[in-house]
Amino acid sequence: YFNRYSAPETEEDEFADERAEILAEAVALKKSSVAYMHPEVGVCSEDATLFGRNYFERASAPDVESMEEAEEKAKILAEAAALKHLARDYMHPEVGVKTTDPTLFGRNYFNRY
């Protein structure tokens, strides 16, 4: 029956397994691309472990910050403020430069013509 010319073609088990694997990967890729392209769709999960409490690191516990961390944080925030100021100066050249140094208005008496 399967050797006749009009019989439907059959494929080997290896090819069938590979085809099923490729189709499963395509379905997973489609699912992740839909989730990426439509962030307004919420994530639904029904795993009971997602709703458990962590008694060791609770959110209501006060955070303790060491002096080194506080100094490093202040340093980083100061650098960020300076970078923000430089970026604002670069992006808005129409804002004039304000100078308060009196030596900027001095004259050079030695090289005048």
Foldseek 3Di string as FASTA:
>chain_A
DCPDPPHDDDDDPVVVVVVVVVVVVVVVVVVVVVCVVCVVDDDDDDDPVVPDDDPPDHPPDDDDDDPVRVVVVVVVVVVVVVVVVVVVCVVCVVDDDDDDDVVVPDDDPPPDD
